Amino acid sequence: MKKLSFLGLALALLLVTTGCGQKIKQENEQLKAQVSSITAENNSLKTQVATLQKEGEDFRAQIAGLTAELDTTRQQLADAKKPKAVKKKKR
């Protein structure tokens, strides 16, 4: 009788672990797919960040160039508004 109950318990344990094992295996596969998807998304986001940083640097350089051009234009305008010295004619 003891052997029969031990065998029944072992069989029940085997069935439970086999059933749970399949569920765990399926969940593990799903998690692997999620990790793969998230890794790909992460790499894509890193690429986007690098691209945006490069664009930001390009815009900063463009702003610096336009600011220098604006300063030059303002200086030329200020120089143009200054009264010119009148030359005296020699007699």
PDB file of N, CA and C in Angstrom:
ATOM      1  N   MET A   1       0.813  -1.174   0.000  1.00  0.00           N
ATOM      2  CA  MET A   1       0.000   0.000   0.000  1.00  0.00           C
ATOM      3  C   MET A   1       0.868   1.254   0.000  1.00  0.00           C
ATOM      4  N   LYS A   2       1.948   1.199   0.773  1.00  0.00           N
ATOM      5  CA  LYS A   2       2.854   2.326   0.844  1.00  0.00           C
ATOM      6  C   LYS A   2       3.475   2.583  -0.517  1.00  0.00           C
ATOM      7  N   LYS A   3       3.834   1.545  -1.218  1.00  0.00           N
ATOM      8  CA  LYS A   3       4.448   1.682  -2.535  1.00  0.00           C
ATOM      9  C   LYS A   3       3.457   2.285  -3.516  1.00  0.00           C
ATOM     10  N   LEU A   4       2.209   1.890  -3.411  1.00  0.00           N
ATOM     11  CA  LEU A   4       1.179   2.384  -4.314  1.00  0.00           C
ATOM     12  C   LEU A   4       0.936   3.883  -4.091  1.00  0.00           C
ATOM     13  N   SER A   5       0.881   4.299  -2.837  1.00  0.00           N
ATOM     14  CA  SER A   5       0.668   5.724  -2.555  1.00  0.00           C
ATOM     15  C   SER A   5       1.898   6.539  -2.975  1.00  0.00           C
ATOM     16  N   PHE A   6       3.070   5.967  -2.765  1.00  0.00           N
ATOM     17  CA  PHE A   6       4.297   6.657  -3.201  1.00  0.00           C
ATOM     18  C   PHE A   6       4.324   6.782  -4.720  1.00  0.00           C
ATOM     19  N   LEU A   7       3.937   5.726  -5.420  1.00  0.00           N
ATOM     20  CA  LEU A   7       3.895   5.732  -6.875  1.00  0.00           C
ATOM     21  C   LEU A   7       2.849   6.736  -7.371  1.00  0.00           C
ATOM     22  N   GLY A   8       1.698   6.793  -6.722  1.00  0.00           N
ATOM     23  CA  GLY A   8       0.643   7.749  -7.079  1.00  0.00           C
ATOM     24  C   GLY A   8       1.103   9.178  -6.877  1.00  0.00           C
ATOM     25  N   LEU A   9       1.785   9.415  -5.760  1.00  0.00           N
ATOM     26  CA  LEU A   9       2.305  10.743  -5.467  1.00  0.00           C
ATOM     27  C   LEU A   9       3.371  11.142  -6.480  1.00  0.00           C
ATOM     28  N   ALA A  10       4.238  10.226  -6.828  1.00  0.00           N
ATOM     29  CA  ALA A  10       5.286  10.487  -7.812  1.00  0.00           C
ATOM     30  C   ALA A  10       4.677  10.781  -9.178  1.00  0.00           C
ATOM     31  N   LEU A  11       3.638  10.016  -9.556  1.00  0.00           N
ATOM     32  CA  LEU A  11       2.963  10.231 -10.838  1.00  0.00           C
ATOM     33  C   LEU A  11       2.272  11.599 -10.857  1.00  0.00           C
ATOM     34  N   ALA A  12       1.617  11.961  -9.765  1.00  0.00           N
ATOM     35  CA  ALA A  12       0.935  13.258  -9.670  1.00  0.00           C
ATOM     36  C   ALA A  12       1.959  14.391  -9.769  1.00  0.00           C
ATOM     37  N   LEU A  13       3.062  14.229  -9.090  1.00  0.00           N
ATOM     38  CA  LEU A  13       4.120  15.235  -9.133  1.00  0.00           C
ATOM     39  C   LEU A  13       4.687  15.368 -10.535  1.00  0.00           C
ATOM     40  N   LEU A  14       4.863  14.260 -11.209  1.00  0.00           N
ATOM     41  CA  LEU A  14       5.373  14.258 -12.576  1.00  0.00           C
ATOM     42  C   LEU A  14       4.411  14.978 -13.519  1.00  0.00           C
ATOM     43  N   LEU A  15       3.126  14.721 -13.379  1.00  0.00           N
ATOM     44  CA  LEU A  15       2.121  15.375 -14.224  1.00  0.00           C
ATOM     45  C   LEU A  15       2.065  16.880 -13.974  1.00  0.00           C
ATOM     46  N   VAL A  16       2.132  17.257 -12.709  1.00  0.00           N
ATOM     47  CA  VAL A  16       2.094  18.685 -12.358  1.00  0.00           C
ATOM     48  C   VAL A  16       3.315  19.410 -12.912  1.00  0.00           C
ATOM     49  N   THR A  17       4.490  18.818 -12.725  1.00  0.00           N
ATOM     50  CA  THR A  17       5.712  19.478 -13.204  1.00  0.00           C
ATOM     51  C   THR A  17       5.778  19.489 -14.715  1.00  0.00           C
ATOM     52  N   THR A  18       5.247  18.450 -15.362  1.00  0.00           N
ATOM     53  CA  THR A  18       5.237  18.425 -16.825  1.00  0.00           C
ATOM     54  C   THR A  18       4.313  19.502 -17.351  1.00  0.00           C
ATOM     55  N   GLY A  19       3.145  19.635 -16.767  1.00  0.00           N
ATOM     56  CA  GLY A  19       2.202  20.675 -17.176  1.00  0.00           C
ATOM     57  C   GLY A  19       2.759  22.053 -16.912  1.00  0.00           C
ATOM     58  N   CYS A  20       3.322  22.251 -15.757  1.00  0.00           N
ATOM     59  CA  CYS A  20       3.928  23.541 -15.415  1.00  0.00           C
ATOM     60  C   CYS A  20       5.150  23.802 -16.275  1.00  0.00           C
ATOM     61  N   GLY A  21       5.864  22.733 -16.582  1.00  0.00           N
ATOM     62  CA  GLY A  21       7.058  22.872 -17.416  1.00  0.00           C
ATOM     63  C   GLY A  21       6.711  23.407 -18.793  1.00  0.00           C
ATOM     64  N   GLN A  22       5.593  22.944 -19.355  1.00  0.00           N
ATOM     65  CA  GLN A  22       5.159  23.439 -20.665  1.00  0.00           C
ATOM     66  C   GLN A  22       4.769  24.909 -20.578  1.00  0.00           C
ATOM     67  N   LYS A  23       4.063  25.253 -19.503  1.00  0.00           N
ATOM     68  CA  LYS A  23       3.668  26.654 -19.331  1.00  0.00           C
ATOM     69  C   LYS A  23       4.898  27.532 -19.159  1.00  0.00           C
ATOM     70  N   ILE A  24       5.841  27.057 -18.376  1.00  0.00           N
ATOM     71  CA  ILE A  24       7.075  27.810 -18.150  1.00  0.00           C
ATOM     72  C   ILE A  24       7.850  27.951 -19.450  1.00  0.00           C
ATOM     73  N   LYS A  25       7.863  26.876 -20.235  1.00  0.00           N
ATOM     74  CA  LYS A  25       8.572  26.896 -21.512  1.00  0.00           C
ATOM     75  C   LYS A  25       7.929  27.919 -22.456  1.00  0.00           C
ATOM     76  N   GLN A  26       6.587  27.939 -22.518  1.00  0.00           N
ATOM     77  CA  GLN A  26       5.883  28.898 -23.361  1.00  0.00           C
ATOM     78  C   GLN A  26       6.137  30.334 -22.896  1.00  0.00           C
ATOM     79  N   GLU A  27       6.069  30.520 -21.588  1.00  0.00           N
ATOM     80  CA  GLU A  27       6.315  31.850 -21.034  1.00  0.00           C
ATOM     81  C   GLU A  27       7.745  32.290 -21.307  1.00  0.00           C
ATOM     82  N   ASN A  28       8.674  31.357 -21.202  1.00  0.00           N
ATOM     83  CA  ASN A  28      10.079  31.654 -21.475  1.00  0.00           C
ATOM     84  C   ASN A  28      10.258  32.087 -22.933  1.00  0.00           C
ATOM     85  N   GLU A  29       9.592  31.407 -23.854  1.00  0.00           N
ATOM     86  CA  GLU A  29       9.674  31.768 -25.274  1.00  0.00           C
ATOM     87  C   GLU A  29       9.073  33.152 -25.507  1.00  0.00           C
ATOM     88  N   GLN A  30       7.955  33.434 -24.847  1.00  0.00           N
ATOM     89  CA  GLN A  30       7.342  34.751 -24.974  1.00  0.00           C
ATOM     90  C   GLN A  30       8.271  35.838 -24.448  1.00  0.00           C
ATOM     91  N   LEU A  31       8.895  35.561 -23.322  1.00  0.00           N
ATOM     92  CA  LEU A  31       9.827  36.524 -22.740  1.00  0.00           C
ATOM     93  C   LEU A  31      11.039  36.745 -23.640  1.00  0.00           C
ATOM     94  N   LYS A  32      11.530  35.673 -24.258  1.00  0.00           N
ATOM     95  CA  LYS A  32      12.650  35.814 -25.198  1.00  0.00           C
ATOM     96  C   LYS A  32      12.256  36.696 -26.369  1.00  0.00           C
ATOM     97  N   ALA A  33      11.039  36.512 -26.879  1.00  0.00           N
ATOM     98  CA  ALA A  33      10.555  37.339 -27.990  1.00  0.00           C
ATOM     99  C   ALA A  33      10.430  38.796 -27.557  1.00  0.00           C
ATOM    100  N   GLN A  34       9.935  39.019 -26.349  1.00  0.00           N
ATOM    101  CA  GLN A  34       9.819  40.383 -25.838  1.00  0.00           C
ATOM    102  C   GLN A  34      11.188  41.030 -25.674  1.00  0.00           C
ATOM    103  N   VAL A  35      12.135  40.289 -25.143  1.00  0.00           N
ATOM    104  CA  VAL A  35      13.493  40.807 -24.963  1.00  0.00           C
ATOM    105  C   VAL A  35      14.089  41.172 -26.316  1.00  0.00           C
ATOM    106  N   SER A  36      13.890  40.313 -27.296  1.00  0.00           N
ATOM    107  CA  SER A  36      14.398  40.585 -28.639  1.00  0.00           C
ATOM    108  C   SER A  36      13.767  41.849 -29.217  1.00  0.00           C
ATOM    109  N   SER A  37      12.463  41.977 -29.054  1.00  0.00           N
ATOM    110  CA  SER A  37      11.745  43.148 -29.554  1.00  0.00           C
ATOM    111  C   SER A  37      12.206  44.423 -28.850  1.00  0.00           C
ATOM    112  N   ILE A  38      12.330  44.368 -27.552  1.00  0.00           N
ATOM    113  CA  ILE A  38      12.756  45.533 -26.772  1.00  0.00           C
ATOM    114  C   ILE A  38      14.197  45.901 -27.103  1.00  0.00           C
ATOM    115  N   THR A  39      15.051  44.911 -27.314  1.00  0.00           N
ATOM    116  CA  THR A  39      16.434  45.175 -27.690  1.00  0.00           C
ATOM    117  C   THR A  39      16.498  45.887 -29.032  1.00  0.00           C
ATOM    118  N   ALA A  40      15.702  45.426 -29.992  1.00  0.00           N
ATOM    119  CA  ALA A  40      15.661  46.080 -31.307  1.00  0.00           C
ATOM    120  C   ALA A  40      15.150  47.511 -31.183  1.00  0.00           C
ATOM    121  N   GLU A  41      14.128  47.702 -30.377  1.00  0.00           N
ATOM    122  CA  GLU A  41      13.582  49.051 -30.168  1.00  0.00           C
ATOM    123  C   GLU A  41      14.613  49.944 -29.490  1.00  0.00           C
ATOM    124  N   ASN A  42      15.328  49.400 -28.525  1.00  0.00           N
ATOM    125  CA  ASN A  42      16.367  50.150 -27.826  1.00  0.00           C
ATOM    126  C   ASN A  42      17.459  50.595 -28.798  1.00  0.00           C
ATOM    127  N   ASN A  43      17.887  49.696 -29.673  1.00  0.00           N
ATOM    128  CA  ASN A  43      18.903  50.046 -30.661  1.00  0.00           C
ATOM    129  C   ASN A  43      18.392  51.126 -31.605  1.00  0.00           C
ATOM    130  N   SER A  44      17.138  51.022 -31.994  1.00  0.00           N
ATOM    131  CA  SER A  44      16.537  52.030 -32.866  1.00  0.00           C
ATOM    132  C   SER A  44      16.504  53.387 -32.172  1.00  0.00           C
ATOM    133  N   LEU A  45      16.129  53.396 -30.911  1.00  0.00           N
ATOM    134  CA  LEU A  45      16.084  54.650 -30.154  1.00  0.00           C
ATOM    135  C   LEU A  45      17.481  55.249 -29.981  1.00  0.00           C
ATOM    136  N   LYS A  46      18.477  54.404 -29.772  1.00  0.00           N
ATOM    137  CA  LYS A  46      19.851  54.901 -29.659  1.00  0.00           C
ATOM    138  C   LYS A  46      20.290  55.567 -30.962  1.00  0.00           C
ATOM    139  N   THR A  47      19.907  54.964 -32.090  1.00  0.00           N
ATOM    140  CA  THR A  47      20.232  55.539 -33.389  1.00  0.00           C
ATOM    141  C   THR A  47      19.534  56.885 -33.564  1.00  0.00           C
ATOM    142  N   GLN A  48      18.264  56.950 -33.160  1.00  0.00           N
ATOM    143  CA  GLN A  48      17.522  58.200 -33.263  1.00  0.00           C
ATOM    144  C   GLN A  48      18.152  59.281 -32.391  1.00  0.00           C
ATOM    145  N   VAL A  49      18.571  58.924 -31.189  1.00  0.00           N
ATOM    146  CA  VAL A  49      19.209  59.892 -30.291  1.00  0.00           C
ATOM    147  C   VAL A  49      20.497  60.423 -30.919  1.00  0.00           C
ATOM    148  N   ALA A  50      21.302  59.533 -31.479  1.00  0.00           N
ATOM    149  CA  ALA A  50      22.548  59.952 -32.110  1.00  0.00           C
ATOM    150  C   ALA A  50      22.271  60.887 -33.291  1.00  0.00           C
ATOM    151  N   THR A  51      21.247  60.566 -34.075  1.00  0.00           N
ATOM    152  CA  THR A  51      20.883  61.407 -35.219  1.00  0.00           C
ATOM    153  C   THR A  51      20.419  62.783 -34.745  1.00  0.00           C
ATOM    154  N   LEU A  52      19.593  62.803 -33.707  1.00  0.00           N
ATOM    155  CA  LEU A  52      19.099  64.074 -33.192  1.00  0.00           C
ATOM    156  C   LEU A  52      20.215  64.904 -32.575  1.00  0.00           C
ATOM    157  N   GLN A  53      21.171  64.259 -31.921  1.00  0.00           N
ATOM    158  CA  GLN A  53      22.309  64.993 -31.366  1.00  0.00           C
ATOM    159  C   GLN A  53      23.133  65.621 -32.478  1.00  0.00           C
ATOM    160  N   LYS A  54      23.341  64.876 -33.559  1.00  0.00           N
ATOM    161  CA  LYS A  54      24.086  65.397 -34.698  1.00  0.00           C
ATOM    162  C   LYS A  54      23.350  66.579 -35.316  1.00  0.00           C
ATOM    163  N   GLU A  55      22.027  66.450 -35.475  1.00  0.00           N
ATOM    164  CA  GLU A  55      21.238  67.556 -36.015  1.00  0.00           C
ATOM    165  C   GLU A  55      21.316  68.773 -35.102  1.00  0.00           C
ATOM    166  N   GLY A  56      21.278  68.549 -33.799  1.00  0.00           N
ATOM    167  CA  GLY A  56      21.395  69.649 -32.840  1.00  0.00           C
ATOM    168  C   GLY A  56      22.726  70.374 -32.983  1.00  0.00           C
ATOM    169  N   GLU A  57      23.798  69.615 -33.133  1.00  0.00           N
ATOM    170  CA  GLU A  57      25.118  70.223 -33.320  1.00  0.00           C
ATOM    171  C   GLU A  57      25.164  71.024 -34.624  1.00  0.00           C
ATOM    172  N   ASP A  58      24.566  70.456 -35.677  1.00  0.00           N
ATOM    173  CA  ASP A  58      24.522  71.165 -36.959  1.00  0.00           C
ATOM    174  C   ASP A  58      23.736  72.467 -36.841  1.00  0.00           C
ATOM    175  N   PHE A  59      22.612  72.425 -36.130  1.00  0.00           N
ATOM    176  CA  PHE A  59      21.814  73.636 -35.939  1.00  0.00           C
ATOM    177  C   PHE A  59      22.572  74.681 -35.126  1.00  0.00           C
ATOM    178  N   ARG A  60      23.302  74.236 -34.098  1.00  0.00           N
ATOM    179  CA  ARG A  60      24.085  75.179 -33.299  1.00  0.00           C
ATOM    180  C   ARG A  60      25.144  75.871 -34.165  1.00  0.00           C
ATOM    181  N   ALA A  61      25.787  75.095 -35.016  1.00  0.00           N
ATOM    182  CA  ALA A  61      26.799  75.676 -35.911  1.00  0.00           C
ATOM    183  C   ALA A  61      26.142  76.649 -36.887  1.00  0.00           C
ATOM    184  N   GLN A  62      24.986  76.289 -37.400  1.00  0.00           N
ATOM    185  CA  GLN A  62      24.271  77.159 -38.327  1.00  0.00           C
ATOM    186  C   GLN A  62      23.857  78.455 -37.621  1.00  0.00           C
ATOM    187  N   ILE A  63      23.374  78.346 -36.391  1.00  0.00           N
ATOM    188  CA  ILE A  63      22.987  79.531 -35.618  1.00  0.00           C
ATOM    189  C   ILE A  63      24.195  80.423 -35.380  1.00  0.00           C
ATOM    190  N   ALA A  64      25.331  79.823 -35.053  1.00  0.00           N
ATOM    191  CA  ALA A  64      26.550  80.614 -34.822  1.00  0.00           C
ATOM    192  C   ALA A  64      26.932  81.368 -36.093  1.00  0.00           C
ATOM    193  N   GLY A  65      26.866  80.711 -37.241  1.00  0.00           N
ATOM    194  CA  GLY A  65      27.190  81.366 -38.506  1.00  0.00           C
ATOM    195  C   GLY A  65      26.218  82.488 -38.827  1.00  0.00           C
ATOM    196  N   LEU A  66      24.934  82.246 -38.611  1.00  0.00           N
ATOM    197  CA  LEU A  66      23.932  83.284 -38.880  1.00  0.00           C
ATOM    198  C   LEU A  66      24.060  84.448 -37.906  1.00  0.00           C
ATOM    199  N   THR A  67      24.415  84.164 -36.659  1.00  0.00           N
ATOM    200  CA  THR A  67      24.618  85.232 -35.684  1.00  0.00           C
ATOM    201  C   THR A  67      25.802  86.111 -36.088  1.00  0.00           C
ATOM    202  N   ALA A  68      26.873  85.483 -36.534  1.00  0.00           N
ATOM    203  CA  ALA A  68      28.031  86.251 -36.991  1.00  0.00           C
ATOM    204  C   ALA A  68      27.656  87.095 -38.217  1.00  0.00           C
ATOM    205  N   GLU A  69      26.890  86.520 -39.123  1.00  0.00           N
ATOM    206  CA  GLU A  69      26.447  87.254 -40.311  1.00  0.00           C
ATOM    207  C   GLU A  69      25.550  88.427 -39.917  1.00  0.00           C
ATOM    208  N   LEU A  70      24.673  88.220 -38.945  1.00  0.00           N
ATOM    209  CA  LEU A  70      23.803  89.289 -38.460  1.00  0.00           C
ATOM    210  C   LEU A  70      24.620  90.401 -37.827  1.00  0.00           C
ATOM    211  N   ASP A  71      25.609  90.039 -37.017  1.00  0.00           N
ATOM    212  CA  ASP A  71      26.467  91.054 -36.394  1.00  0.00           C
ATOM    213  C   ASP A  71      27.196  91.879 -37.452  1.00  0.00           C
ATOM    214  N   THR A  72      27.683  91.221 -38.490  1.00  0.00           N
ATOM    215  CA  THR A  72      28.379  91.922 -39.570  1.00  0.00           C
ATOM    216  C   THR A  72      27.429  92.874 -40.289  1.00  0.00           C
ATOM    217  N   THR A  73      26.221  92.395 -40.558  1.00  0.00           N
ATOM    218  CA  THR A  73      25.230  93.231 -41.241  1.00  0.00           C
ATOM    219  C   THR A  73      24.841  94.425 -40.379  1.00  0.00           C
ATOM    220  N   ARG A  74      24.672  94.210 -39.090  1.00  0.00           N
ATOM    221  CA  ARG A  74      24.347  95.329 -38.179  1.00  0.00           C
ATOM    222  C   ARG A  74      25.467  96.358 -38.160  1.00  0.00           C
ATOM    223  N   GLN A  75      26.700  95.866 -38.141  1.00  0.00           N
ATOM    224  CA  GLN A  75      27.842  96.786 -38.127  1.00  0.00           C
ATOM    225  C   GLN A  75      27.882  97.594 -39.427  1.00  0.00           C
ATOM    226  N   GLN A  76      27.640  96.930 -40.549  1.00  0.00           N
ATOM    227  CA  GLN A  76      27.629  97.637 -41.833  1.00  0.00           C
ATOM    228  C   GLN A  76      26.508  98.669 -41.861  1.00  0.00           C
ATOM    229  N   LEU A  77      25.363  98.355 -41.310  1.00  0.00           N
ATOM    230  CA  LEU A  77      24.249  99.285 -41.266  1.00  0.00           C
ATOM    231  C   LEU A  77      24.577 100.473 -40.374  1.00  0.00           C
ATOM    232  N   ALA A  78      25.196 100.201 -39.239  1.00  0.00           N
ATOM    233  CA  ALA A  78      25.580 101.281 -38.334  1.00  0.00           C
ATOM    234  C   ALA A  78      26.615 102.180 -38.998  1.00  0.00           C
ATOM    235  N   ASP A  79      27.561 101.591 -39.726  1.00  0.00           N
ATOM    236  CA  ASP A  79      28.577 102.384 -40.427  1.00  0.00           C
ATOM    237  C   ASP A  79      27.946 103.222 -41.531  1.00  0.00           C
ATOM    238  N   ALA A  80      26.927 102.698 -42.181  1.00  0.00           N
ATOM    239  CA  ALA A  80      26.265 103.423 -43.266  1.00  0.00           C
ATOM    240  C   ALA A  80      25.462 104.602 -42.732  1.00  0.00           C
ATOM    241  N   LYS A  81      24.980 104.525 -41.512  1.00  0.00           N
ATOM    242  CA  LYS A  81      24.184 105.599 -40.919  1.00  0.00           C
ATOM    243  C   LYS A  81      25.054 106.730 -40.372  1.00  0.00           C
ATOM    244  N   LYS A  82      26.306 106.474 -40.146  1.00  0.00           N
ATOM    245  CA  LYS A  82      27.194 107.495 -39.602  1.00  0.00           C
ATOM    246  C   LYS A  82      27.373 108.582 -40.654  1.00  0.00           C
ATOM    247  N   PRO A  83      27.371 109.839 -40.206  1.00  0.00           N
ATOM    248  CA  PRO A  83      27.601 110.918 -41.182  1.00  0.00           C
ATOM    249  C   PRO A  83      29.044 110.852 -41.683  1.00  0.00           C
ATOM    250  N   LYS A  84      29.148 111.088 -42.953  1.00  0.00           N
ATOM    251  CA  LYS A  84      30.484 111.051 -43.546  1.00  0.00           C
ATOM    252  C   LYS A  84      31.157 112.403 -43.341  1.00  0.00           C
ATOM    253  N   ALA A  85      32.421 112.346 -43.160  1.00  0.00           N
ATOM    254  CA  ALA A  85      33.181 113.582 -42.990  1.00  0.00           C
ATOM    255  C   ALA A  85      33.215 114.325 -44.324  1.00  0.00           C
ATOM    256  N   VAL A  86      32.947 115.591 -44.251  1.00  0.00           N
ATOM    257  CA  VAL A  86      32.960 116.419 -45.463  1.00  0.00           C
ATOM    258  C   VAL A  86      34.375 116.899 -45.696  1.00  0.00           C
ATOM    259  N   LYS A  87      34.823 116.667 -46.891  1.00  0.00           N
ATOM    260  CA  LYS A  87      36.174 117.109 -47.238  1.00  0.00           C
ATOM    261  C   LYS A  87      36.107 118.575 -47.662  1.00  0.00           C
ATOM    262  N   LYS A  88      37.016 119.346 -47.166  1.00  0.00           N
ATOM    263  CA  LYS A  88      37.077 120.763 -47.542  1.00  0.00           C
ATOM    264  C   LYS A  88      37.893 120.893 -48.823  1.00  0.00           C
ATOM    265  N   LYS A  89      37.383 121.712 -49.658  1.00  0.00           N
ATOM    266  CA  LYS A  89      38.115 121.963 -50.897  1.00  0.00           C
ATOM    267  C   LYS A  89      39.212 122.982 -50.629  1.00  0.00           C
ATOM    268  N   LYS A  90      40.321 122.760 -51.210  1.00  0.00           N
ATOM    269  CA  LYS A  90      41.417 123.709 -51.071  1.00  0.00           C
ATOM    270  C   LYS A  90      41.242 124.766 -52.132  1.00  0.00           C
ATOM    271  N   ARG A  91      41.458 126.029 -51.784  1.00  0.00           N
ATOM    272  CA  ARG A  91      41.353 127.137 -52.735  1.00  0.00           C
ATOM    273  C   ARG A  91      42.665 127.688 -53.093  1.00  0.00           C
TER     274      ARG A  91
END
